[in-house]
């Protein structure tokens, strides 16, 4: 009899706790939507995941701001081939994105890019 009462208390208590957690989560979402925090956070995540800065790209390829486009291409080819043979697809992708980023920077500067 005592075990049955204890089991009922546990089941009822966990039901009450679950409803309270769900209600608190809904309220937190509503508060975030009112203040615009949710949209801003999503936008920041999207921006951060897509944009590579030129300094990050230079660090990945191991070049400086004074490096010529030919030097950048040599580093890119070397790192890309190394990762194609023994490395990971993730690193190979990062190397490729770094080259794309620096290519855009060089085009903006008016230096142009030779055919790659």
Protein backbone atom coordinates (compact mmCIF):
# COMPACT_ATOMS: atom_id res chain seq x y z
CA UNK A 1 0.00 0.00 0.00
CA UNK A 2 2.78 2.44 0.89
CA UNK A 3 4.61 1.59 -2.33
CA UNK A 4 1.49 2.38 -4.35
CA UNK A 5 1.08 5.77 -2.67
CA UNK A 6 4.75 6.53 -3.17
CA UNK A 7 4.52 5.57 -6.87
CA UNK A 8 1.46 7.83 -7.30
CA UNK A 9 3.27 10.73 -5.63
CA UNK A 10 6.29 10.27 -7.89
CA UNK A 11 4.14 10.11 -11.04
CA UNK A 12 2.08 13.16 -10.03
CA UNK A 13 5.17 15.09 -8.97
CA UNK A 14 6.98 14.42 -12.25
CA UNK A 15 3.86 15.44 -14.19
CA UNK A 16 3.67 18.73 -12.32
CA UNK A 17 7.40 19.30 -12.80
CA UNK A 18 7.21 18.53 -16.54
CA UNK A 19 4.31 20.97 -17.02
CA UNK A 20 6.21 23.66 -15.12
CA UNK A 21 9.32 23.16 -17.26
CA UNK A 22 7.29 23.36 -20.48
CA UNK A 23 5.49 26.48 -19.27
CA UNK A 24 8.80 28.14 -18.30
CA UNK A 25 10.34 27.26 -21.67
CA UNK A 26 7.35 28.73 -23.54
CA UNK A 27 7.59 31.89 -21.45
CA UNK A 28 11.31 32.18 -22.16
CA UNK A 29 10.66 31.85 -25.90
CA UNK A 30 7.93 34.48 -25.71
CA UNK A 31 10.24 36.87 -23.83
CA UNK A 32 13.02 36.31 -26.34
CA UNK A 33 10.66 36.93 -29.25
CA UNK A 34 9.42 40.18 -27.68
CA UNK A 35 12.92 41.54 -27.16
CA UNK A 36 14.21 40.38 -30.55
CA UNK A 37 16.97 38.32 -28.98
CA UNK A 38 15.93 35.16 -30.82
CA UNK A 39 16.09 36.73 -34.29
CA UNK A 40 19.36 38.48 -33.54
CA UNK A 41 20.92 35.26 -32.29
CA UNK A 42 19.83 33.33 -35.37
CA UNK A 43 21.20 36.06 -37.64
CA UNK A 44 24.53 36.08 -35.80
CA UNK A 45 24.81 32.31 -36.10
CA UNK A 46 24.09 32.47 -39.83
CA UNK A 47 26.59 35.28 -40.34
CA UNK A 48 29.28 33.59 -38.29
CA UNK A 49 28.92 30.29 -40.07
CA UNK A 50 29.18 31.74 -43.59
CA UNK A 51 31.71 34.54 -43.40
CA UNK A 52 35.45 34.02 -43.21
CA UNK A 53 37.56 37.08 -42.53
CA UNK A 54 40.60 37.73 -44.66
CA UNK A 55 42.86 37.50 -41.60
CA UNK A 56 41.44 34.03 -40.84
CA UNK A 57 41.93 33.03 -44.48
CA UNK A 58 45.55 34.23 -44.41
CA UNK A 59 46.15 32.29 -41.20
CA UNK A 60 44.70 29.10 -42.70
CA UNK A 61 46.87 29.36 -45.81
CA UNK A 62 49.90 30.63 -43.93
CA UNK A 63 50.40 33.80 -45.96
CA UNK A 64 50.80 37.47 -45.07
CA UNK A 65 49.08 40.58 -46.37
CA UNK A 66 52.09 41.25 -48.59
CA UNK A 67 51.99 37.80 -50.21
CA UNK A 68 51.50 37.75 -53.97
CA UNK A 69 48.59 35.96 -55.59
CA UNK A 70 51.00 33.36 -57.00
CA UNK A 71 52.31 32.59 -53.51
CA UNK A 72 48.75 32.24 -52.22
CA UNK A 73 47.94 29.82 -55.05
CA UNK A 74 51.07 27.76 -54.31
CA UNK A 75 50.12 27.46 -50.65
CA UNK A 76 46.53 26.65 -51.61
CA UNK A 77 47.53 23.94 -54.09
CA UNK A 78 49.94 22.38 -51.62
CA UNK A 79 47.47 22.31 -48.70
CA UNK A 80 44.56 21.22 -50.87
CA UNK A 81 46.50 18.30 -52.32
CA UNK A 82 47.82 17.24 -48.91
CA UNK A 83 44.30 17.12 -47.52
CA UNK A 84 42.98 15.36 -50.60
CA UNK A 85 45.44 12.51 -50.05
CA UNK A 86 45.69 12.08 -46.27
CA UNK A 87 43.61 14.79 -44.64
CA UNK A 88 40.02 15.48 -43.88
CA UNK A 89 37.31 16.89 -46.09
CA UNK A 90 36.67 19.56 -43.44
CA UNK A 91 40.23 20.89 -43.63
CA UNK A 92 40.18 20.72 -47.40
CA UNK A 93 36.96 22.75 -47.36
CA UNK A 94 38.48 25.35 -45.03
CA UNK A 95 41.49 25.70 -47.35
CA UNK A 96 39.21 26.15 -50.34
CA UNK A 97 37.07 28.76 -48.55
CA UNK A 98 40.23 30.61 -47.50
CA UNK A 99 41.36 30.79 -51.12
CA UNK A 100 37.93 32.04 -52.19
CA UNK A 101 38.00 34.72 -49.50
CA UNK A 102 41.46 35.94 -50.48
CA UNK A 103 40.51 35.83 -54.15
CA UNK A 104 37.64 38.21 -53.41
CA UNK A 105 39.98 40.49 -51.45
CA UNK A 106 42.49 40.58 -54.30
CA UNK A 107 39.75 41.34 -56.83
CA UNK A 108 38.48 44.21 -54.67
CA UNK A 109 41.98 45.65 -54.49
CA UNK A 110 42.11 45.63 -58.27
CA UNK A 111 45.07 43.29 -58.43
CA UNK A 112 43.04 40.76 -60.39
CA UNK A 113 43.51 37.05 -60.24
CA UNK A 114 45.18 34.94 -62.86
CA UNK A 115 43.34 31.89 -64.13
CA UNK A 116 43.51 29.23 -61.46
